[in-house]
Amino acid sequence: MHIGNSIKRLRTKLKMSQNEFAKACGISMSYLSEIERGLKNPTIDIVLKIATAFNVKVSEIIDESPTTPLTPELKQIVETLTDFKPEQINLLNNFLKSLK
């Protein structure tokens, strides 16, 4: 299962159309559709927008299937990121890219 399935599951649980959900998250409906179909992966910024818009933890959105579970360390990092502002996420992302 991919993250798009988790997002779709959240959306359908909330009984929202793709259009309603996308507007609430500040993204386009076509982008949401591509995410749900597994054609695109959302950025951490988008995952944070979704978590914030629907008051859920990021870990509820990120796929944690039995074949690819998050380690406790990664879960802790994800939870820490939920408190970051978008500009902090961008700085962190740029820093991580520089380490490659």
Protein backbone atom coordinates (compact mmCIF):
# COMPACT_ATOMS: atom_id res chain seq x y z
CA MET A 1 0.00 0.00 0.00
CA HIS A 2 1.28 3.49 -0.78
CA ILE A 3 0.72 6.85 0.87
CA GLY A 4 -1.95 7.71 -1.70
CA ASN A 5 -4.12 4.91 -0.33
CA SER A 6 -3.75 6.32 3.17
CA ILE A 7 -4.77 9.77 1.97
CA LYS A 8 -7.74 8.37 0.05
CA ARG A 9 -8.79 6.36 3.10
CA LEU A 10 -8.70 9.55 5.22
CA ARG A 11 -10.66 11.48 2.59
CA THR A 12 -13.35 8.84 2.27
CA LYS A 13 -13.55 8.47 6.05
CA LEU A 14 -14.32 12.19 6.16
CA LYS A 15 -16.89 11.70 3.37
CA MET A 16 -15.26 14.37 1.23
CA SER A 17 -14.96 14.60 -2.53
CA GLN A 18 -11.51 14.97 -4.06
CA ASN A 19 -12.37 18.57 -4.86
CA GLU A 20 -13.42 19.40 -1.27
CA PHE A 21 -10.41 17.65 0.20
CA ALA A 22 -7.97 19.29 -2.21
CA LYS A 23 -9.37 22.76 -1.48
CA ALA A 24 -9.10 22.19 2.27
CA CYS A 25 -5.45 21.16 1.82
CA GLY A 26 -4.58 23.97 -0.58
CA ILE A 27 -3.67 21.68 -3.47
CA SER A 28 -5.20 21.04 -6.87
CA MET A 29 -7.69 18.25 -7.37
CA SER A 30 -5.61 16.82 -10.22
CA TYR A 31 -2.54 16.63 -7.95
CA LEU A 32 -4.59 14.91 -5.23
CA SER A 33 -5.90 12.45 -7.80
CA GLU A 34 -2.36 11.63 -8.94
CA ILE A 35 -1.29 11.10 -5.32
CA GLU A 36 -4.23 8.82 -4.59
CA ARG A 37 -3.54 6.77 -7.72
CA GLY A 38 0.13 6.39 -6.81
CA LEU A 39 1.36 8.39 -9.79
CA LYS A 40 2.97 11.04 -7.58
CA ASN A 41 4.27 11.12 -4.05
CA PRO A 42 3.38 14.14 -1.94
CA THR A 43 6.12 16.32 -0.54
CA ILE A 44 6.46 16.55 3.22
CA ASP A 45 4.92 20.03 2.92
CA ILE A 46 1.77 18.52 1.42
CA VAL A 47 1.63 15.78 4.04
CA LEU A 48 1.92 18.46 6.73
CA LYS A 49 -0.85 20.52 5.09
CA ILE A 50 -3.13 17.48 5.09
CA ALA A 51 -2.32 16.62 8.70
CA THR A 52 -2.91 20.21 9.78
CA ALA A 53 -6.11 20.65 7.77
CA PHE A 54 -7.69 17.54 9.28
CA ASN A 55 -6.03 17.56 12.70
CA VAL A 56 -4.40 14.15 12.32
CA LYS A 57 -0.88 13.00 13.02
CA VAL A 58 1.51 12.71 10.10
CA SER A 59 2.07 9.09 11.09
CA GLU A 60 -1.62 8.43 10.32
CA ILE A 61 -1.02 9.56 6.74
CA ILE A 62 2.35 7.96 6.08
CA ASP A 63 2.02 4.38 4.98
CA GLU A 64 3.25 1.93 7.58
CA SER A 65 2.55 -1.37 5.88
CA PRO A 66 4.05 -4.51 7.36
CA THR A 67 6.54 -4.74 4.51
CA THR A 68 7.85 -1.20 5.03
CA PRO A 69 7.32 -0.24 8.68
CA LEU A 70 8.76 2.97 10.00
CA THR A 71 11.45 2.47 12.58
CA PRO A 72 10.88 4.10 15.98
CA GLU A 73 13.54 6.67 15.07
CA LEU A 74 11.78 7.61 11.83
CA LYS A 75 8.42 7.79 13.60
CA GLN A 76 9.95 10.21 16.10
CA ILE A 77 11.37 12.35 13.27
CA VAL A 78 8.00 12.42 11.50
CA GLU A 79 6.23 13.48 14.68
CA THR A 80 8.82 16.22 15.28
CA LEU A 81 8.26 17.51 11.74
CA THR A 82 4.57 18.05 12.43
CA ASP A 83 5.52 21.06 14.56
CA PHE A 84 7.76 22.58 11.88
CA LYS A 85 6.69 25.58 9.85
CA PRO A 86 6.89 25.31 6.03
CA GLU A 87 10.05 27.42 5.90
CA GLN A 88 11.69 25.15 8.47
CA ILE A 89 10.74 22.12 6.39
CA ASN A 90 12.31 23.74 3.31
CA LEU A 91 15.53 24.49 5.21
CA LEU A 92 15.70 20.94 6.52
CA ASN A 93 14.96 19.50 3.09
CA ASN A 94 17.75 21.60 1.53
CA PHE A 95 20.13 20.52 4.27
CA LEU A 96 19.31 16.84 3.76
CA LYS A 97 19.80 17.18 0.00
CA SER A 98 23.24 18.71 0.62
CA LEU A 99 24.27 15.57 2.52
CA LYS A 100 23.83 13.32 -0.51
